[in-house]
């Protein structure tokens, strides 16, 4: 369990990096665009997270099948899962981006944003939409890295991406960028993380693309479907307060709710962070067929959880 513990710590550090970036960026954005502008920003970011639901069940399934393949000594199987996952994520990301670009004016019209912020809100949503295919591509590469248990590398690249995001914000704010132009900091972060993680997964990316069989695809789809509802419900519950508030209250109130939600979500993110490394560990042992080690690690996990409670 030593490796799993190290991976769990790295996963928690990844969550903490994201929380730290949010804590530093929130006052910067709020001071630059004001309370109403920050409310618009909050709604736009919630939209991106909402659309991230399309991969909610796919990610754990991809990570599990990569780990199981590696545990069984089937490196080629892990590669096939990666390429299948990557292509699917790219298609989903491009489709989601196209829909948001097309419907951005209609989406913004649902909210009672001040007239002087309406056009900026549309531009903001359209720029943020570009992060969807980038973010899903990052997720596909991250799924592979997690399946290969490279959690420390994920934590390091998350830190690099957060530094890039904060640096881009400082530069944009220093140039007196508009509300919508601040969204390019999100794009910069996604690009930096994608390049960093692609470099770490270069041994996988240089392989010849190949894809899972129909049988494996059906198994992955079945597992994803089971996970989709539970994982998606967590994302929806975490963002619904911002969207619903935006429909009935002033943008400044939405911003206040968004800040409060960040605090609540931080605790959930840190608590949930160790689950992925543990799940991968169990999947690897299952792939190896080492039932004794699997039983021992599960028992150890239950004991640690009971002691923590």
C-alpha atoms as a PDB file:
ATOM      1  CA  UNK A   1       0.000   0.000   0.000  1.00  0.00           C
ATOM      2  CA  UNK A   2       3.044   2.278   0.201  1.00  0.00           C
ATOM      3  CA  UNK A   3       2.774   3.227  -3.470  1.00  0.00           C
ATOM      4  CA  UNK A   4      -0.962   3.816  -3.142  1.00  0.00           C
ATOM      5  CA  UNK A   5      -0.380   6.065  -0.125  1.00  0.00           C
ATOM      6  CA  UNK A   6       2.191   8.098  -2.043  1.00  0.00           C
ATOM      7  CA  UNK A   7      -0.225   8.419  -4.974  1.00  0.00           C
ATOM      8  CA  UNK A   8      -3.037   9.442  -2.618  1.00  0.00           C
ATOM      9  CA  UNK A   9      -0.858  12.202  -1.170  1.00  0.00           C
ATOM     10  CA  UNK A  10       0.016  13.380  -4.684  1.00  0.00           C
ATOM     11  CA  UNK A  11      -3.681  13.391  -5.598  1.00  0.00           C
ATOM     12  CA  UNK A  12      -4.493  15.506  -2.546  1.00  0.00           C
ATOM     13  CA  UNK A  13      -1.698  17.898  -3.512  1.00  0.00           C
ATOM     14  CA  UNK A  14      -3.255  18.232  -6.975  1.00  0.00           C
ATOM     15  CA  UNK A  15      -6.557  19.235  -5.369  1.00  0.00           C
ATOM     16  CA  UNK A  16      -4.801  21.700  -3.057  1.00  0.00           C
ATOM     17  CA  UNK A  17      -3.007  23.309  -6.006  1.00  0.00           C
ATOM     18  CA  UNK A  18      -6.351  24.011  -7.658  1.00  0.00           C
ATOM     19  CA  UNK A  19      -7.760  25.418  -4.439  1.00  0.00           C
ATOM     20  CA  UNK A  20      -4.714  27.632  -3.978  1.00  0.00           C
ATOM     21  CA  UNK A  21      -5.018  29.009  -7.509  1.00  0.00           C
ATOM     22  CA  UNK A  22      -8.692  29.823  -6.883  1.00  0.00           C
ATOM     23  CA  UNK A  23      -7.887  31.580  -3.602  1.00  0.00           C
ATOM     24  CA  UNK A  24      -5.248  33.750  -5.282  1.00  0.00           C
ATOM     25  CA  UNK A  25      -7.153  34.480  -8.499  1.00  0.00           C
ATOM     26  CA  UNK A  26     -10.559  35.335  -6.979  1.00  0.00           C
ATOM     27  CA  UNK A  27      -9.561  38.666  -5.353  1.00  0.00           C
ATOM     28  CA  UNK A  28      -7.554  39.610  -8.460  1.00  0.00           C
ATOM     29  CA  UNK A  29     -10.513  39.094 -10.796  1.00  0.00           C
ATOM     30  CA  UNK A  30     -13.010  40.619  -8.353  1.00  0.00           C
ATOM     31  CA  UNK A  31     -10.978  43.782  -7.918  1.00  0.00           C
ATOM     32  CA  UNK A  32     -10.446  44.166 -11.670  1.00  0.00           C
ATOM     33  CA  UNK A  33     -13.980  43.565 -12.982  1.00  0.00           C
ATOM     34  CA  UNK A  34     -16.104  44.430  -9.950  1.00  0.00           C
ATOM     35  CA  UNK A  35     -18.859  42.466  -8.219  1.00  0.00           C
ATOM     36  CA  UNK A  36     -21.176  42.318 -11.252  1.00  0.00           C
ATOM     37  CA  UNK A  37     -18.361  41.301 -13.587  1.00  0.00           C
ATOM     38  CA  UNK A  38     -17.274  38.565 -11.201  1.00  0.00           C
ATOM     39  CA  UNK A  39     -20.838  37.268 -11.122  1.00  0.00           C
ATOM     40  CA  UNK A  40     -20.774  36.929 -14.908  1.00  0.00           C
ATOM     41  CA  UNK A  41     -17.385  35.181 -14.648  1.00  0.00           C
ATOM     42  CA  UNK A  42     -18.830  32.752 -12.086  1.00  0.00           C
ATOM     43  CA  UNK A  43     -21.720  31.761 -14.369  1.00  0.00           C
ATOM     44  CA  UNK A  44     -19.361  31.234 -17.330  1.00  0.00           C
ATOM     45  CA  UNK A  45     -17.057  28.994 -15.296  1.00  0.00           C
ATOM     46  CA  UNK A  46     -20.059  27.017 -14.008  1.00  0.00           C
ATOM     47  CA  UNK A  47     -21.087  26.390 -17.629  1.00  0.00           C
ATOM     48  CA  UNK A  48     -17.714  24.811 -18.398  1.00  0.00           C
ATOM     49  CA  UNK A  49     -17.938  22.570 -15.337  1.00  0.00           C
ATOM     50  CA  UNK A  50     -21.504  21.605 -16.244  1.00  0.00           C
ATOM     51  CA  UNK A  51     -20.397  20.529 -19.712  1.00  0.00           C
ATOM     52  CA  UNK A  52     -17.584  18.582 -18.096  1.00  0.00           C
ATOM     53  CA  UNK A  53     -20.319  16.196 -16.957  1.00  0.00           C
ATOM     54  CA  UNK A  54     -20.117  14.531 -20.380  1.00  0.00           C
ATOM     55  CA  UNK A  55     -16.915  12.811 -19.223  1.00  0.00           C
ATOM     56  CA  UNK A  56     -17.952  12.251 -15.618  1.00  0.00           C
ATOM     57  CA  UNK A  57     -18.458   8.521 -15.952  1.00  0.00           C
ATOM     58  CA  UNK A  58     -15.955   7.984 -18.741  1.00  0.00           C
ATOM     59  CA  UNK A  59     -12.888   9.041 -16.749  1.00  0.00           C
ATOM     60  CA  UNK A  60     -13.108   6.456 -13.926  1.00  0.00           C
ATOM     61  CA  UNK A  61     -13.879   3.722 -16.472  1.00  0.00           C
ATOM     62  CA  UNK A  62     -10.875   4.636 -18.628  1.00  0.00           C
ATOM     63  CA  UNK A  63      -8.560   4.787 -15.602  1.00  0.00           C
ATOM     64  CA  UNK A  64      -9.818   1.421 -14.349  1.00  0.00           C
ATOM     65  CA  UNK A  65      -9.374  -0.350 -17.688  1.00  0.00           C
ATOM     66  CA  UNK A  66      -5.868   1.075 -18.171  1.00  0.00           C
ATOM     67  CA  UNK A  67      -4.889  -0.079 -14.673  1.00  0.00           C
ATOM     68  CA  UNK A  68      -6.457  -3.518 -15.174  1.00  0.00           C
ATOM     69  CA  UNK A  69      -4.654  -3.985 -18.493  1.00  0.00           C
ATOM     70  CA  UNK A  70      -1.315  -3.056 -16.943  1.00  0.00           C
ATOM     71  CA  UNK A  71      -1.964  -5.336 -13.997  1.00  0.00           C
ATOM     72  CA  UNK A  72      -2.606  -8.198 -16.418  1.00  0.00           C
ATOM     73  CA  UNK A  73       0.650  -7.395 -18.250  1.00  0.00           C
ATOM     74  CA  UNK A  74      -1.297  -6.264 -21.328  1.00  0.00           C
ATOM     75  CA  UNK A  75       0.504  -3.016 -22.202  1.00  0.00           C
ATOM     76  CA  UNK A  76      -1.063  -3.029 -25.648  1.00  0.00           C
ATOM     77  CA  UNK A  77      -4.512  -3.162 -24.048  1.00  0.00           C
ATOM     78  CA  UNK A  78      -3.709  -0.064 -21.990  1.00  0.00           C
ATOM     79  CA  UNK A  79      -2.580   1.733 -25.154  1.00  0.00           C
ATOM     80  CA  UNK A  80      -5.830   0.811 -26.931  1.00  0.00           C
ATOM     81  CA  UNK A  81      -7.879   2.163 -24.040  1.00  0.00           C
ATOM     82  CA  UNK A  82      -5.903   5.415 -24.148  1.00  0.00           C
ATOM     83  CA  UNK A  83      -6.363   6.025 -27.879  1.00  0.00           C
ATOM     84  CA  UNK A  84     -10.050   5.113 -27.764  1.00  0.00           C
ATOM     85  CA  UNK A  85     -10.541   7.476 -24.839  1.00  0.00           C
ATOM     86  CA  UNK A  86      -8.572  10.286 -26.495  1.00  0.00           C
ATOM     87  CA  UNK A  87     -10.516  10.156 -29.771  1.00  0.00           C
ATOM     88  CA  UNK A  88     -13.855  10.052 -27.954  1.00  0.00           C
ATOM     89  CA  UNK A  89     -12.897  13.013 -25.754  1.00  0.00           C
ATOM     90  CA  UNK A  90     -11.756  15.061 -28.745  1.00  0.00           C
ATOM     91  CA  UNK A  91     -15.029  14.448 -30.555  1.00  0.00           C
ATOM     92  CA  UNK A  92     -17.079  15.282 -27.471  1.00  0.00           C
ATOM     93  CA  UNK A  93     -15.029  18.414 -26.796  1.00  0.00           C
ATOM     94  CA  UNK A  94     -15.315  19.723 -30.344  1.00  0.00           C
ATOM     95  CA  UNK A  95     -19.058  19.039 -30.395  1.00  0.00           C
ATOM     96  CA  UNK A  96     -19.594  20.787 -27.048  1.00  0.00           C
ATOM     97  CA  UNK A  97     -17.482  23.751 -28.175  1.00  0.00           C
ATOM     98  CA  UNK A  98     -19.504  24.111 -31.371  1.00  0.00           C
ATOM     99  CA  UNK A  99     -22.819  24.032 -29.501  1.00  0.00           C
ATOM    100  CA  UNK A 100     -21.683  26.641 -26.964  1.00  0.00           C
ATOM    101  CA  UNK A 101     -20.291  28.937 -29.662  1.00  0.00           C
ATOM    102  CA  UNK A 102     -23.622  28.769 -31.476  1.00  0.00           C
ATOM    103  CA  UNK A 103     -25.877  29.150 -28.453  1.00  0.00           C
ATOM    104  CA  UNK A 104     -23.795  31.625 -26.410  1.00  0.00           C
ATOM    105  CA  UNK A 105     -26.136  34.619 -27.046  1.00  0.00           C
ATOM    106  CA  UNK A 106     -29.206  32.566 -26.121  1.00  0.00           C
ATOM    107  CA  UNK A 107     -27.504  31.236 -22.984  1.00  0.00           C
ATOM    108  CA  UNK A 108     -26.464  34.707 -21.797  1.00  0.00           C
ATOM    109  CA  UNK A 109     -29.977  36.046 -22.460  1.00  0.00           C
ATOM    110  CA  UNK A 110     -31.327  33.683 -19.798  1.00  0.00           C
ATOM    111  CA  UNK A 111     -29.588  35.747 -17.120  1.00  0.00           C
ATOM    112  CA  UNK A 112     -30.384  39.282 -16.069  1.00  0.00           C
ATOM    113  CA  UNK A 113     -26.933  40.673 -16.729  1.00  0.00           C
ATOM    114  CA  UNK A 114     -26.630  44.475 -16.977  1.00  0.00           C
ATOM    115  CA  UNK A 115     -26.787  45.761 -20.548  1.00  0.00           C
ATOM    116  CA  UNK A 116     -23.187  46.966 -20.462  1.00  0.00           C
ATOM    117  CA  UNK A 117     -22.037  43.411 -19.598  1.00  0.00           C
ATOM    118  CA  UNK A 118     -24.224  41.490 -22.050  1.00  0.00           C
ATOM    119  CA  UNK A 119     -21.843  41.524 -25.025  1.00  0.00           C
ATOM    120  CA  UNK A 120     -18.841  40.873 -22.813  1.00  0.00           C
ATOM    121  CA  UNK A 121     -20.687  37.920 -21.297  1.00  0.00           C
ATOM    122  CA  UNK A 122     -21.315  36.469 -24.777  1.00  0.00           C
ATOM    123  CA  UNK A 123     -17.654  36.914 -25.712  1.00  0.00           C
ATOM    124  CA  UNK A 124     -16.587  35.411 -22.378  1.00  0.00           C
ATOM    125  CA  UNK A 125     -18.707  32.294 -22.899  1.00  0.00           C
ATOM    126  CA  UNK A 126     -17.394  31.875 -26.446  1.00  0.00           C
ATOM    127  CA  UNK A 127     -13.754  32.136 -25.380  1.00  0.00           C
ATOM    128  CA  UNK A 128     -14.315  29.783 -22.457  1.00  0.00           C
ATOM    129  CA  UNK A 129     -15.918  27.310 -24.896  1.00  0.00           C
ATOM    130  CA  UNK A 130     -12.509  26.915 -26.536  1.00  0.00           C
ATOM    131  CA  UNK A 131     -11.312  25.401 -23.266  1.00  0.00           C
ATOM    132  CA  UNK A 132     -13.729  22.477 -23.643  1.00  0.00           C
ATOM    133  CA  UNK A 133     -11.824  20.455 -26.282  1.00  0.00           C
ATOM    134  CA  UNK A 134      -8.546  21.430 -24.614  1.00  0.00           C
ATOM    135  CA  UNK A 135      -9.782  20.412 -21.174  1.00  0.00           C
ATOM    136  CA  UNK A 136     -11.161  17.095 -22.397  1.00  0.00           C
ATOM    137  CA  UNK A 137      -7.897  16.333 -24.187  1.00  0.00           C
ATOM    138  CA  UNK A 138      -6.058  17.077 -20.944  1.00  0.00           C
ATOM    139  CA  UNK A 139      -8.497  14.736 -19.181  1.00  0.00           C
ATOM    140  CA  UNK A 140      -7.826  11.929 -21.678  1.00  0.00           C
ATOM    141  CA  UNK A 141      -4.064  12.203 -21.174  1.00  0.00           C
ATOM    142  CA  UNK A 142      -4.562  12.492 -17.413  1.00  0.00           C
ATOM    143  CA  UNK A 143      -6.668   9.316 -17.389  1.00  0.00           C
ATOM    144  CA  UNK A 144      -3.758   7.470 -18.968  1.00  0.00           C
ATOM    145  CA  UNK A 145      -1.249   8.948 -16.510  1.00  0.00           C
ATOM    146  CA  UNK A 146      -3.488   7.975 -13.595  1.00  0.00           C
ATOM    147  CA  UNK A 147      -3.917   4.482 -14.999  1.00  0.00           C
ATOM    148  CA  UNK A 148      -0.111   4.235 -15.151  1.00  0.00           C
ATOM    149  CA  UNK A 149      -0.064   5.561 -11.540  1.00  0.00           C
ATOM    150  CA  UNK A 150       1.905   8.709 -12.390  1.00  0.00           C
ATOM    151  CA  UNK A 151       0.089  10.817  -9.797  1.00  0.00           C
ATOM    152  CA  UNK A 152       3.126  12.799  -8.718  1.00  0.00           C
ATOM    153  CA  UNK A 153       3.622  13.938 -12.306  1.00  0.00           C
ATOM    154  CA  UNK A 154      -0.020  15.031 -12.424  1.00  0.00           C
ATOM    155  CA  UNK A 155       0.430  17.074  -9.253  1.00  0.00           C
ATOM    156  CA  UNK A 156       3.551  18.785 -10.642  1.00  0.00           C
ATOM    157  CA  UNK A 157       1.894  19.653 -13.955  1.00  0.00           C
ATOM    158  CA  UNK A 158      -1.182  20.936 -12.108  1.00  0.00           C
ATOM    159  CA  UNK A 159       1.096  23.310 -10.200  1.00  0.00           C
ATOM    160  CA  UNK A 160       2.752  24.434 -13.442  1.00  0.00           C
ATOM    161  CA  UNK A 161      -0.663  25.051 -14.996  1.00  0.00           C
ATOM    162  CA  UNK A 162      -1.817  27.082 -11.998  1.00  0.00           C
ATOM    163  CA  UNK A 163       1.310  29.248 -12.174  1.00  0.00           C
ATOM    164  CA  UNK A 164       0.633  29.812 -15.884  1.00  0.00           C
ATOM    165  CA  UNK A 165      -2.985  30.762 -15.120  1.00  0.00           C
ATOM    166  CA  UNK A 166      -2.028  33.246 -12.408  1.00  0.00           C
ATOM    167  CA  UNK A 167       0.771  34.722 -14.529  1.00  0.00           C
ATOM    168  CA  UNK A 168      -1.601  35.168 -17.477  1.00  0.00           C
ATOM    169  CA  UNK A 169      -4.123  36.885 -15.200  1.00  0.00           C
ATOM    170  CA  UNK A 170      -1.469  39.279 -13.881  1.00  0.00           C
ATOM    171  CA  UNK A 171      -0.383  40.145 -17.433  1.00  0.00           C
ATOM    172  CA  UNK A 172      -3.947  40.597 -18.689  1.00  0.00           C
ATOM    173  CA  UNK A 173      -4.995  42.697 -15.711  1.00  0.00           C
ATOM    174  CA  UNK A 174      -1.817  44.769 -16.087  1.00  0.00           C
ATOM    175  CA  UNK A 175      -2.870  45.481 -19.677  1.00  0.00           C
ATOM    176  CA  UNK A 176      -6.349  46.492 -18.455  1.00  0.00           C
ATOM    177  CA  UNK A 177      -7.988  43.565 -20.241  1.00  0.00           C
ATOM    178  CA  UNK A 178     -11.771  43.371 -20.400  1.00  0.00           C
ATOM    179  CA  UNK A 179     -13.840  40.770 -18.561  1.00  0.00           C
ATOM    180  CA  UNK A 180     -14.071  38.532 -21.611  1.00  0.00           C
ATOM    181  CA  UNK A 181     -10.336  38.813 -22.352  1.00  0.00           C
ATOM    182  CA  UNK A 182      -9.520  37.406 -18.901  1.00  0.00           C
ATOM    183  CA  UNK A 183     -10.824  34.072 -20.187  1.00  0.00           C
ATOM    184  CA  UNK A 184      -7.608  33.701 -22.198  1.00  0.00           C
ATOM    185  CA  UNK A 185      -5.912  32.927 -18.870  1.00  0.00           C
ATOM    186  CA  UNK A 186      -8.035  29.762 -18.696  1.00  0.00           C
ATOM    187  CA  UNK A 187      -6.971  28.835 -22.237  1.00  0.00           C
ATOM    188  CA  UNK A 188      -3.318  29.441 -21.329  1.00  0.00           C
ATOM    189  CA  UNK A 189      -3.624  27.175 -18.313  1.00  0.00           C
ATOM    190  CA  UNK A 190      -5.163  24.349 -20.352  1.00  0.00           C
ATOM    191  CA  UNK A 191      -2.501  24.626 -23.057  1.00  0.00           C
ATOM    192  CA  UNK A 192       0.358  24.555 -20.558  1.00  0.00           C
ATOM    193  CA  UNK A 193      -1.078  21.558 -18.697  1.00  0.00           C
ATOM    194  CA  UNK A 194      -1.762  19.745 -21.973  1.00  0.00           C
ATOM    195  CA  UNK A 195       1.797  20.255 -23.218  1.00  0.00           C
ATOM    196  CA  UNK A 196       3.302  19.260 -19.862  1.00  0.00           C
ATOM    197  CA  UNK A 197       1.229  16.101 -19.502  1.00  0.00           C
ATOM    198  CA  UNK A 198       1.658  15.173 -23.149  1.00  0.00           C
ATOM    199  CA  UNK A 199       5.397  15.300 -22.547  1.00  0.00           C
ATOM    200  CA  UNK A 200       5.025  12.968 -19.577  1.00  0.00           C
ATOM    201  CA  UNK A 201       2.884  10.595 -21.641  1.00  0.00           C
ATOM    202  CA  UNK A 202       5.140  10.779 -24.683  1.00  0.00           C
ATOM    203  CA  UNK A 203       5.900   7.059 -24.496  1.00  0.00           C
ATOM    204  CA  UNK A 204       2.183   6.439 -24.980  1.00  0.00           C
ATOM    205  CA  UNK A 205       1.568   9.166 -27.553  1.00  0.00           C
ATOM    206  CA  UNK A 206       4.311   7.920 -29.883  1.00  0.00           C
ATOM    207  CA  UNK A 207       2.664   4.511 -30.166  1.00  0.00           C
ATOM    208  CA  UNK A 208       0.653   3.678 -33.238  1.00  0.00           C
ATOM    209  CA  UNK A 209      -3.035   4.504 -32.630  1.00  0.00           C
ATOM    210  CA  UNK A 210      -5.155   1.419 -32.001  1.00  0.00           C
ATOM    211  CA  UNK A 211      -8.571   1.000 -30.451  1.00  0.00           C
ATOM    212  CA  UNK A 212     -10.402  -1.345 -28.109  1.00  0.00           C
ATOM    213  CA  UNK A 213     -12.582  -4.160 -29.395  1.00  0.00           C
ATOM    214  CA  UNK A 214     -16.353  -3.855 -29.501  1.00  0.00           C
ATOM    215  CA  UNK A 215     -16.601  -6.134 -26.478  1.00  0.00           C
ATOM    216  CA  UNK A 216     -14.268  -3.990 -24.401  1.00  0.00           C
ATOM    217  CA  UNK A 217     -16.025  -0.850 -25.625  1.00  0.00           C
ATOM    218  CA  UNK A 218     -19.335  -2.276 -24.413  1.00  0.00           C
ATOM    219  CA  UNK A 219     -17.816  -3.118 -21.031  1.00  0.00           C
ATOM    220  CA  UNK A 220     -16.394   0.390 -20.692  1.00  0.00           C
ATOM    221  CA  UNK A 221     -19.713   1.926 -21.748  1.00  0.00           C
ATOM    222  CA  UNK A 222     -21.615  -0.196 -19.218  1.00  0.00           C
ATOM    223  CA  UNK A 223     -19.290   0.833 -16.386  1.00  0.00           C
ATOM    224  CA  UNK A 224     -19.393   4.484 -17.487  1.00  0.00           C
ATOM    225  CA  UNK A 225     -23.190   4.421 -17.470  1.00  0.00           C
ATOM    226  CA  UNK A 226     -23.221   3.113 -13.898  1.00  0.00           C
ATOM    227  CA  UNK A 227     -20.794   5.800 -12.766  1.00  0.00           C
ATOM    228  CA  UNK A 228     -22.276   8.657 -14.795  1.00  0.00           C
ATOM    229  CA  UNK A 229     -25.275   9.347 -12.588  1.00  0.00           C
ATOM    230  CA  UNK A 230     -23.424   9.356  -9.271  1.00  0.00           C
ATOM    231  CA  UNK A 231     -20.440  11.369 -10.489  1.00  0.00           C
ATOM    232  CA  UNK A 232     -22.564  13.783 -12.526  1.00  0.00           C
ATOM    233  CA  UNK A 233     -24.862  14.414  -9.555  1.00  0.00           C
ATOM    234  CA  UNK A 234     -21.891  15.665  -7.533  1.00  0.00           C
ATOM    235  CA  UNK A 235     -20.921  18.099 -10.298  1.00  0.00           C
ATOM    236  CA  UNK A 236     -24.479  19.325 -10.789  1.00  0.00           C
ATOM    237  CA  UNK A 237     -25.046  19.811  -7.055  1.00  0.00           C
ATOM    238  CA  UNK A 238     -21.810  21.770  -6.817  1.00  0.00           C
ATOM    239  CA  UNK A 239     -22.703  24.177  -9.613  1.00  0.00           C
ATOM    240  CA  UNK A 240     -26.515  24.443  -9.542  1.00  0.00           C
ATOM    241  CA  UNK A 241     -26.531  27.086  -6.820  1.00  0.00           C
ATOM    242  CA  UNK A 242     -24.506  29.430  -9.042  1.00  0.00           C
ATOM    243  CA  UNK A 243     -26.638  28.922 -12.132  1.00  0.00           C
ATOM    244  CA  UNK A 244     -29.967  29.074 -10.290  1.00  0.00           C
ATOM    245  CA  UNK A 245     -28.860  32.186  -8.407  1.00  0.00           C
ATOM    246  CA  UNK A 246     -27.862  33.768 -11.711  1.00  0.00           C
ATOM    247  CA  UNK A 247     -31.364  33.226 -13.055  1.00  0.00           C
ATOM    248  CA  UNK A 248     -33.087  35.010 -10.172  1.00  0.00           C
ATOM    249  CA  UNK A 249     -30.559  37.410  -8.645  1.00  0.00           C
ATOM    250  CA  UNK A 250     -28.167  40.201  -9.601  1.00  0.00           C
ATOM    251  CA  UNK A 251     -24.675  39.261 -10.872  1.00  0.00           C
ATOM    252  CA  UNK A 252     -23.061  40.601  -7.700  1.00  0.00           C
ATOM    253  CA  UNK A 253     -25.068  38.106  -5.638  1.00  0.00           C
ATOM    254  CA  UNK A 254     -23.990  35.303  -7.989  1.00  0.00           C
ATOM    255  CA  UNK A 255     -20.374  36.225  -7.353  1.00  0.00           C
ATOM    256  CA  UNK A 256     -20.906  36.065  -3.589  1.00  0.00           C
ATOM    257  CA  UNK A 257     -22.563  32.655  -3.907  1.00  0.00           C
ATOM    258  CA  UNK A 258     -19.703  31.511  -6.140  1.00  0.00           C
ATOM    259  CA  UNK A 259     -17.112  32.423  -3.527  1.00  0.00           C
ATOM    260  CA  UNK A 260     -19.065  30.565  -0.847  1.00  0.00           C
ATOM    261  CA  UNK A 261     -19.387  27.532  -3.118  1.00  0.00           C
ATOM    262  CA  UNK A 262     -15.630  27.468  -3.672  1.00  0.00           C
ATOM    263  CA  UNK A 263     -15.090  27.097   0.049  1.00  0.00           C
ATOM    264  CA  UNK A 264     -17.561  24.215   0.279  1.00  0.00           C
ATOM    265  CA  UNK A 265     -16.182  22.478  -2.810  1.00  0.00           C
ATOM    266  CA  UNK A 266     -12.618  22.701  -1.526  1.00  0.00           C
ATOM    267  CA  UNK A 267     -13.364  20.347   1.329  1.00  0.00           C
ATOM    268  CA  UNK A 268     -15.078  17.844  -0.986  1.00  0.00           C
ATOM    269  CA  UNK A 269     -12.199  17.914  -3.468  1.00  0.00           C
ATOM    270  CA  UNK A 270      -9.582  17.200  -0.819  1.00  0.00           C
ATOM    271  CA  UNK A 271     -11.681  14.428   0.743  1.00  0.00           C
ATOM    272  CA  UNK A 272     -12.323  12.744  -2.624  1.00  0.00           C
ATOM    273  CA  UNK A 273      -8.766  13.097  -3.966  1.00  0.00           C
ATOM    274  CA  UNK A 274      -7.371   9.824  -2.519  1.00  0.00           C
ATOM    275  CA  UNK A 275     -10.161   7.730  -4.058  1.00  0.00           C
ATOM    276  CA  UNK A 276      -8.713   7.601  -7.590  1.00  0.00           C
ATOM    277  CA  UNK A 277      -5.292   6.202  -6.564  1.00  0.00           C
ATOM    278  CA  UNK A 278      -6.984   3.606  -4.357  1.00  0.00           C
ATOM    279  CA  UNK A 279      -9.378   2.590  -7.123  1.00  0.00           C
ATOM    280  CA  UNK A 280      -6.482   2.272  -9.555  1.00  0.00           C
ATOM    281  CA  UNK A 281      -4.561   0.153  -7.058  1.00  0.00           C
ATOM    282  CA  UNK A 282      -7.495  -2.228  -6.693  1.00  0.00           C
ATOM    283  CA  UNK A 283      -7.970  -2.383 -10.487  1.00  0.00           C
ATOM    284  CA  UNK A 284      -4.289  -3.207 -11.006  1.00  0.00           C
ATOM    285  CA  UNK A 285      -4.418  -6.009  -8.429  1.00  0.00           C
ATOM    286  CA  UNK A 286      -7.603  -7.335 -10.029  1.00  0.00           C
ATOM    287  CA  UNK A 287      -5.854  -7.360 -13.404  1.00  0.00           C
ATOM    288  CA  UNK A 288      -2.916  -9.223 -11.877  1.00  0.00           C
ATOM    289  CA  UNK A 289      -5.297 -11.754 -10.409  1.00  0.00           C
ATOM    290  CA  UNK A 290      -3.722 -11.215  -6.977  1.00  0.00           C
ATOM    291  CA  UNK A 291      -6.859 -11.757  -4.895  1.00  0.00           C
ATOM    292  CA  UNK A 292      -4.889 -12.102  -1.655  1.00  0.00           C
ATOM    293  CA  UNK A 293      -3.249  -8.677  -2.028  1.00  0.00           C
ATOM    294  CA  UNK A 294      -6.558  -7.183  -3.172  1.00  0.00           C
ATOM    295  CA  UNK A 295      -8.331  -8.493  -0.068  1.00  0.00           C
ATOM    296  CA  UNK A 296      -5.483  -7.323   2.184  1.00  0.00           C
ATOM    297  CA  UNK A 297      -5.453  -3.783   0.716  1.00  0.00           C
ATOM    298  CA  UNK A 298      -9.226  -3.475   0.915  1.00  0.00           C
ATOM    299  CA  UNK A 299      -9.147  -4.549   4.557  1.00  0.00           C
ATOM    300  CA  UNK A 300      -6.350  -2.067   5.274  1.00  0.00           C
ATOM    301  CA  UNK A 301      -8.333   0.714   3.601  1.00  0.00           C
ATOM    302  CA  UNK A 302     -11.437  -0.072   5.657  1.00  0.00           C
ATOM    303  CA  UNK A 303      -9.422  -0.077   8.867  1.00  0.00           C
ATOM    304  CA  UNK A 304      -7.781   3.237   8.053  1.00  0.00           C
ATOM    305  CA  UNK A 305     -11.184   4.741   7.225  1.00  0.00           C
ATOM    306  CA  UNK A 306     -12.692   3.528  10.499  1.00  0.00           C
ATOM    307  CA  UNK A 307      -9.750   4.941  12.477  1.00  0.00           C
ATOM    308  CA  UNK A 308     -10.106   8.266  10.669  1.00  0.00           C
ATOM    309  CA  UNK A 309     -13.798   8.403  11.622  1.00  0.00           C
END
